[in-house]
């Protein structure tokens, strides 16, 4: 995972025409990485960095393990992730699928908590 603090401008090719730009933009290919915003809930510690750029193929289990390391939580302790403070998807779910269904303004908001909260 890497932090996402700045946007990278799209490459521009001087030889491309407006027709090729329109054709390339109509393919709607998913981004290889997605933006996650983490929000604490309940008794969870607050992260210094809250926004991360993550590969679409990562599972929620790997995201949970990453958060435990960031917060220095014992691996045996529970950590729950919630999408939009509503439900907790299965840990084997790829983050890209969750992002495609529940992201707003190109960001997926995940709340985290050390105890069962919503759901």
N, C-alpha and C. Protein backbone atom coordinates (compact mmCIF):
# COMPACT_ATOMS: atom_id res chain seq x y z
N UNK A 1 0.84 -1.17 0.00
CA UNK A 1 0.00 0.00 0.00
C UNK A 1 0.88 1.23 0.00
N UNK A 2 0.38 2.26 -0.63
CA UNK A 2 1.13 3.51 -0.64
C UNK A 2 0.19 4.66 -0.34
N UNK A 3 0.74 5.69 0.20
CA UNK A 3 -0.07 6.86 0.53
C UNK A 3 -0.45 7.59 -0.74
N UNK A 4 -1.60 8.20 -0.71
CA UNK A 4 -2.08 8.98 -1.84
C UNK A 4 -2.29 10.41 -1.39
N UNK A 5 -1.26 11.23 -1.54
CA UNK A 5 -1.37 12.61 -1.11
C UNK A 5 -1.43 13.59 -2.28
N UNK A 6 -1.13 13.12 -3.49
CA UNK A 6 -1.15 14.02 -4.62
C UNK A 6 -1.68 13.31 -5.85
N UNK A 7 -2.28 14.07 -6.73
CA UNK A 7 -2.81 13.51 -7.97
C UNK A 7 -1.75 13.63 -9.05
N UNK A 8 -1.66 12.62 -9.90
CA UNK A 8 -0.71 12.65 -10.98
C UNK A 8 -1.43 13.06 -12.26
N UNK A 9 -0.90 14.04 -12.99
CA UNK A 9 -1.56 14.46 -14.23
C UNK A 9 -1.50 13.35 -15.27
N UNK A 10 -2.53 13.27 -16.07
CA UNK A 10 -2.56 12.28 -17.14
C UNK A 10 -1.54 12.64 -18.21
N UNK A 11 -0.96 11.61 -18.82
CA UNK A 11 0.01 11.86 -19.88
C UNK A 11 -0.70 12.41 -21.10
N UNK A 12 -0.07 13.34 -21.73
CA UNK A 12 -0.63 13.89 -22.96
C UNK A 12 0.32 13.56 -24.09
N UNK A 13 -0.24 13.09 -25.19
CA UNK A 13 0.55 12.75 -26.37
C UNK A 13 0.24 13.76 -27.46
N UNK A 14 1.24 14.52 -27.91
CA UNK A 14 0.98 15.57 -28.90
C UNK A 14 0.43 15.02 -30.21
N UNK A 15 0.75 13.76 -30.54
CA UNK A 15 0.29 13.23 -31.82
C UNK A 15 -1.16 12.73 -31.76
N UNK A 16 -1.75 12.64 -30.57
CA UNK A 16 -3.12 12.14 -30.48
C UNK A 16 -4.11 13.23 -30.90
N UNK A 17 -5.18 12.80 -31.53
CA UNK A 17 -6.21 13.73 -31.97
C UNK A 17 -7.39 13.65 -31.02
N UNK A 18 -8.35 14.51 -31.21
CA UNK A 18 -9.53 14.49 -30.34
C UNK A 18 -10.31 13.20 -30.53
N UNK A 19 -10.27 12.60 -31.74
CA UNK A 19 -10.98 11.34 -31.97
C UNK A 19 -10.36 10.22 -31.14
N UNK A 20 -9.05 10.14 -31.07
CA UNK A 20 -8.42 9.07 -30.30
C UNK A 20 -8.61 9.30 -28.81
N UNK A 21 -8.66 10.56 -28.37
CA UNK A 21 -8.92 10.83 -26.97
C UNK A 21 -10.33 10.39 -26.59
N UNK A 22 -11.31 10.66 -27.45
CA UNK A 22 -12.68 10.25 -27.18
C UNK A 22 -12.79 8.74 -27.16
N UNK A 23 -12.12 8.06 -28.09
CA UNK A 23 -12.18 6.60 -28.16
C UNK A 23 -11.55 5.98 -26.92
N UNK A 24 -10.44 6.53 -26.46
CA UNK A 24 -9.77 5.96 -25.29
C UNK A 24 -10.55 6.22 -24.01
N UNK A 25 -11.25 7.34 -23.93
CA UNK A 25 -12.01 7.64 -22.72
C UNK A 25 -13.30 6.84 -22.64
N UNK A 26 -13.79 6.31 -23.75
CA UNK A 26 -15.04 5.56 -23.74
C UNK A 26 -14.85 4.11 -23.33
N UNK A 27 -13.61 3.63 -23.15
CA UNK A 27 -13.40 2.24 -22.77
C UNK A 27 -13.73 2.00 -21.31
N UNK A 28 -13.66 3.05 -20.46
CA UNK A 28 -14.00 2.96 -19.03
C UNK A 28 -13.28 1.81 -18.35
N UNK A 29 -12.01 1.70 -18.58
CA UNK A 29 -11.19 0.67 -17.95
C UNK A 29 -11.02 1.01 -16.47
N UNK A 30 -11.20 0.03 -15.55
CA UNK A 30 -11.04 0.35 -14.13
C UNK A 30 -9.59 0.70 -13.80
N UNK A 31 -9.43 1.59 -12.84
CA UNK A 31 -8.10 1.99 -12.40
C UNK A 31 -7.42 0.81 -11.72
N UNK A 32 -6.08 0.67 -11.88
CA UNK A 32 -5.39 -0.44 -11.23
C UNK A 32 -5.32 -0.29 -9.71
N UNK A 33 -5.43 0.94 -9.22
CA UNK A 33 -5.42 1.20 -7.78
C UNK A 33 -6.61 2.07 -7.42
N UNK A 34 -7.08 1.91 -6.19
CA UNK A 34 -8.23 2.66 -5.71
C UNK A 34 -7.86 3.43 -4.45
N UNK A 35 -8.59 4.49 -4.17
CA UNK A 35 -8.33 5.33 -3.00
C UNK A 35 -9.23 4.89 -1.85
N UNK A 36 -8.62 4.64 -0.69
CA UNK A 36 -9.35 4.27 0.51
C UNK A 36 -9.17 5.36 1.56
N UNK A 37 -10.25 5.70 2.23
CA UNK A 37 -10.22 6.65 3.34
C UNK A 37 -10.67 5.91 4.59
N UNK A 38 -9.81 5.87 5.60
CA UNK A 38 -10.11 5.15 6.84
C UNK A 38 -10.59 6.11 7.91
N UNK A 39 -11.71 5.73 8.56
CA UNK A 39 -12.27 6.54 9.64
C UNK A 39 -12.42 5.66 10.88
N UNK A 40 -11.92 6.13 12.03
CA UNK A 40 -12.05 5.33 13.25
C UNK A 40 -13.48 5.36 13.79
N UNK A 41 -13.84 4.29 14.47
CA UNK A 41 -15.15 4.22 15.13
C UNK A 41 -14.95 3.59 16.50
N UNK A 42 -15.73 4.02 17.45
CA UNK A 42 -15.66 3.44 18.79
C UNK A 42 -14.30 3.65 19.44
N UNK A 43 -13.71 2.54 19.91
CA UNK A 43 -12.46 2.60 20.67
C UNK A 43 -11.21 2.44 19.80
N UNK A 44 -11.33 2.55 18.50
CA UNK A 44 -10.19 2.37 17.61
C UNK A 44 -9.27 3.59 17.63
N UNK A 45 -7.96 3.35 17.60
CA UNK A 45 -7.02 4.48 17.56
C UNK A 45 -7.11 5.24 16.22
N UNK A 46 -6.75 6.50 16.25
CA UNK A 46 -6.80 7.33 15.04
C UNK A 46 -5.48 7.20 14.29
N UNK A 47 -5.57 7.00 12.98
CA UNK A 47 -4.37 6.91 12.15
C UNK A 47 -3.86 8.30 11.82
N UNK A 48 -2.54 8.45 11.73
CA UNK A 48 -1.96 9.73 11.31
C UNK A 48 -2.26 9.99 9.84
N UNK A 49 -2.08 8.99 9.01
CA UNK A 49 -2.40 9.06 7.58
C UNK A 49 -3.70 8.30 7.38
N UNK A 50 -4.67 8.93 6.77
CA UNK A 50 -6.00 8.33 6.65
C UNK A 50 -6.34 7.88 5.24
N UNK A 51 -5.62 8.39 4.25
CA UNK A 51 -5.94 8.10 2.86
C UNK A 51 -4.81 7.28 2.23
N UNK A 52 -5.18 6.19 1.57
CA UNK A 52 -4.19 5.30 0.96
C UNK A 52 -4.63 4.90 -0.44
N UNK A 53 -3.66 4.64 -1.28
CA UNK A 53 -3.89 4.14 -2.63
C UNK A 53 -3.55 2.66 -2.61
N UNK A 54 -4.51 1.80 -2.97
CA UNK A 54 -4.37 0.36 -2.81
C UNK A 54 -4.68 -0.36 -4.13
N UNK A 55 -3.99 -1.45 -4.38
CA UNK A 55 -4.27 -2.27 -5.57
C UNK A 55 -5.66 -2.87 -5.46
N UNK A 56 -6.37 -2.92 -6.57
CA UNK A 56 -7.74 -3.44 -6.62
C UNK A 56 -7.83 -4.89 -6.18
N UNK A 57 -6.77 -5.66 -6.42
CA UNK A 57 -6.80 -7.10 -6.15
C UNK A 57 -6.60 -7.44 -4.67
N UNK A 58 -6.28 -6.47 -3.83
CA UNK A 58 -6.09 -6.74 -2.39
C UNK A 58 -7.40 -7.14 -1.76
N UNK A 59 -7.33 -8.05 -0.80
CA UNK A 59 -8.54 -8.48 -0.09
C UNK A 59 -8.72 -7.65 1.18
N UNK A 60 -9.92 -7.70 1.73
CA UNK A 60 -10.17 -6.99 2.98
C UNK A 60 -9.34 -7.58 4.11
N UNK A 61 -9.00 -8.86 4.05
CA UNK A 61 -8.14 -9.48 5.07
C UNK A 61 -6.76 -8.82 5.06
N UNK A 62 -6.20 -8.57 3.88
CA UNK A 62 -4.87 -7.93 3.82
C UNK A 62 -4.94 -6.48 4.29
N UNK A 63 -6.06 -5.81 4.02
CA UNK A 63 -6.25 -4.43 4.50
C UNK A 63 -6.32 -4.43 6.03
N UNK A 64 -7.03 -5.40 6.60
CA UNK A 64 -7.15 -5.51 8.05
C UNK A 64 -5.79 -5.74 8.69
N UNK A 65 -5.00 -6.64 8.12
CA UNK A 65 -3.66 -6.91 8.66
C UNK A 65 -2.77 -5.67 8.58
N UNK A 66 -2.86 -4.94 7.47
CA UNK A 66 -2.10 -3.70 7.32
C UNK A 66 -2.48 -2.70 8.41
N UNK A 67 -3.78 -2.53 8.64
CA UNK A 67 -4.24 -1.58 9.67
C UNK A 67 -3.76 -1.99 11.06
N UNK A 68 -3.78 -3.28 11.35
CA UNK A 68 -3.30 -3.75 12.65
C UNK A 68 -1.83 -3.39 12.85
N UNK A 69 -1.03 -3.54 11.79
CA UNK A 69 0.38 -3.17 11.88
C UNK A 69 0.55 -1.67 12.07
N UNK A 70 -0.22 -0.89 11.33
CA UNK A 70 -0.14 0.57 11.44
C UNK A 70 -0.49 1.06 12.85
N UNK A 71 -1.49 0.40 13.46
CA UNK A 71 -1.96 0.82 14.79
C UNK A 71 -1.25 0.08 15.91
N UNK A 72 -0.33 -0.82 15.54
CA UNK A 72 0.41 -1.63 16.53
C UNK A 72 -0.54 -2.42 17.43
N UNK A 73 -1.53 -3.03 16.78
CA UNK A 73 -2.48 -3.90 17.48
C UNK A 73 -1.97 -5.33 17.37
N UNK A 74 -2.09 -6.09 18.43
CA UNK A 74 -1.68 -7.49 18.42
C UNK A 74 -2.45 -8.24 17.32
N UNK A 75 -1.75 -9.09 16.54
CA UNK A 75 -2.43 -9.82 15.45
C UNK A 75 -3.60 -10.68 15.92
N UNK A 76 -3.60 -11.09 17.18
CA UNK A 76 -4.70 -11.93 17.68
C UNK A 76 -5.94 -11.11 18.04
N UNK A 77 -5.80 -9.79 18.16
CA UNK A 77 -6.96 -8.94 18.46
C UNK A 77 -7.84 -8.77 17.24
N UNK A 78 -9.11 -8.53 17.47
CA UNK A 78 -10.06 -8.33 16.38
C UNK A 78 -10.03 -6.89 15.89
N UNK A 79 -10.25 -6.73 14.60
CA UNK A 79 -10.42 -5.42 13.99
C UNK A 79 -11.49 -5.57 12.93
N UNK A 80 -12.53 -4.78 13.01
CA UNK A 80 -13.66 -4.88 12.10
C UNK A 80 -13.63 -3.72 11.11
N UNK A 81 -13.91 -4.01 9.84
CA UNK A 81 -14.00 -2.99 8.80
C UNK A 81 -15.45 -2.89 8.35
N UNK A 82 -15.91 -1.66 8.18
CA UNK A 82 -17.28 -1.41 7.76
C UNK A 82 -17.29 -0.48 6.57
N UNK A 83 -18.14 -0.79 5.60
CA UNK A 83 -18.31 0.06 4.42
C UNK A 83 -19.44 1.03 4.71
N UNK A 84 -19.13 2.33 4.62
CA UNK A 84 -20.10 3.40 4.84
C UNK A 84 -20.84 3.25 6.17
N UNK A 85 -20.18 2.73 7.18
CA UNK A 85 -20.74 2.54 8.52
C UNK A 85 -22.01 1.70 8.52
N UNK A 86 -22.12 0.78 7.56
CA UNK A 86 -23.34 0.01 7.45
C UNK A 86 -23.10 -1.49 7.59
N UNK A 87 -22.18 -2.05 6.83
CA UNK A 87 -21.99 -3.49 6.86
C UNK A 87 -20.52 -3.85 6.71
N UNK A 88 -20.22 -5.07 7.09
CA UNK A 88 -18.86 -5.58 7.02
C UNK A 88 -18.81 -6.70 5.97
N UNK A 89 -18.17 -6.46 4.81
CA UNK A 89 -18.09 -7.50 3.79
C UNK A 89 -17.15 -8.64 4.23
N UNK A 90 -17.26 -9.77 3.56
CA UNK A 90 -16.40 -10.92 3.85
C UNK A 90 -14.94 -10.54 3.64
N UNK A 91 -14.06 -11.10 4.47
CA UNK A 91 -12.64 -10.75 4.40
C UNK A 91 -11.95 -11.21 3.13
N UNK A 92 -12.53 -12.19 2.41
CA UNK A 92 -11.90 -12.64 1.16
C UNK A 92 -12.37 -11.83 -0.05
N UNK A 93 -13.16 -10.79 0.17
CA UNK A 93 -13.64 -9.92 -0.90
C UNK A 93 -12.53 -9.01 -1.39
N UNK A 94 -12.38 -8.90 -2.70
CA UNK A 94 -11.38 -7.98 -3.26
C UNK A 94 -11.87 -6.55 -3.10
N UNK A 95 -10.95 -5.67 -2.77
CA UNK A 95 -11.29 -4.27 -2.51
C UNK A 95 -11.82 -3.58 -3.77
N UNK A 96 -11.40 -4.03 -4.95
CA UNK A 96 -11.88 -3.45 -6.20
C UNK A 96 -13.38 -3.63 -6.38
N UNK A 97 -13.89 -4.80 -6.00
CA UNK A 97 -15.33 -5.06 -6.12
C UNK A 97 -16.12 -4.18 -5.16
N UNK A 98 -15.62 -4.00 -3.95
CA UNK A 98 -16.29 -3.15 -2.97
C UNK A 98 -16.24 -1.70 -3.44
N UNK A 99 -15.09 -1.29 -3.95
CA UNK A 99 -14.92 0.08 -4.47
C UNK A 99 -15.91 0.36 -5.60
N UNK A 100 -16.03 -0.57 -6.54
CA UNK A 100 -16.93 -0.37 -7.68
C UNK A 100 -18.38 -0.18 -7.24
N UNK A 101 -18.77 -0.84 -6.16
CA UNK A 101 -20.17 -0.77 -5.72
C UNK A 101 -20.46 0.37 -4.75
N UNK A 102 -19.48 0.75 -3.92
CA UNK A 102 -19.78 1.65 -2.82
C UNK A 102 -18.94 2.91 -2.73
N UNK A 103 -18.07 3.18 -3.69
CA UNK A 103 -17.25 4.38 -3.61
C UNK A 103 -18.08 5.63 -3.92
N UNK A 104 -17.68 6.73 -3.31
CA UNK A 104 -18.28 8.02 -3.60
C UNK A 104 -17.15 9.01 -3.84
N UNK A 105 -17.30 9.80 -4.87
CA UNK A 105 -16.29 10.80 -5.26
C UNK A 105 -14.91 10.16 -5.40
N UNK A 106 -14.85 9.01 -6.05
CA UNK A 106 -13.61 8.26 -6.31
C UNK A 106 -12.87 7.84 -5.05
N UNK A 107 -13.58 7.67 -3.94
CA UNK A 107 -12.98 7.24 -2.69
C UNK A 107 -13.91 6.25 -2.00
N UNK A 108 -13.32 5.17 -1.48
CA UNK A 108 -14.09 4.21 -0.69
C UNK A 108 -13.82 4.51 0.78
N UNK A 109 -14.88 4.78 1.53
CA UNK A 109 -14.75 5.10 2.95
C UNK A 109 -14.93 3.82 3.76
N UNK A 110 -13.90 3.48 4.52
CA UNK A 110 -13.95 2.30 5.39
C UNK A 110 -13.79 2.75 6.84
N UNK A 111 -14.75 2.39 7.66
CA UNK A 111 -14.65 2.65 9.10
C UNK A 111 -14.03 1.41 9.73
N UNK A 112 -13.22 1.61 10.75
CA UNK A 112 -12.61 0.49 11.45
C UNK A 112 -12.86 0.61 12.93
N UNK A 113 -13.00 -0.54 13.60
CA UNK A 113 -13.33 -0.56 15.01
C UNK A 113 -12.76 -1.82 15.64
N UNK A 114 -12.39 -1.76 16.90
CA UNK A 114 -11.84 -2.92 17.58
C UNK A 114 -12.94 -3.80 18.18
N UNK A 115 -14.15 -3.32 18.20
CA UNK A 115 -15.29 -4.13 18.69
C UNK A 115 -16.40 -4.09 17.65
N UNK A 116 -17.29 -5.06 17.73
CA UNK A 116 -18.40 -5.15 16.79
C UNK A 116 -19.28 -3.90 16.94
N UNK A 117 -19.53 -3.18 15.85
CA UNK A 117 -20.26 -1.92 15.94
C UNK A 117 -21.56 -1.93 15.15
N UNK A 118 -21.48 -1.99 13.84
CA UNK A 118 -22.68 -1.96 13.00
C UNK A 118 -22.81 -3.30 12.31
N UNK A 119 -23.94 -3.52 11.71
CA UNK A 119 -23.97 -4.64 10.83
C UNK A 119 -24.99 -5.63 10.87
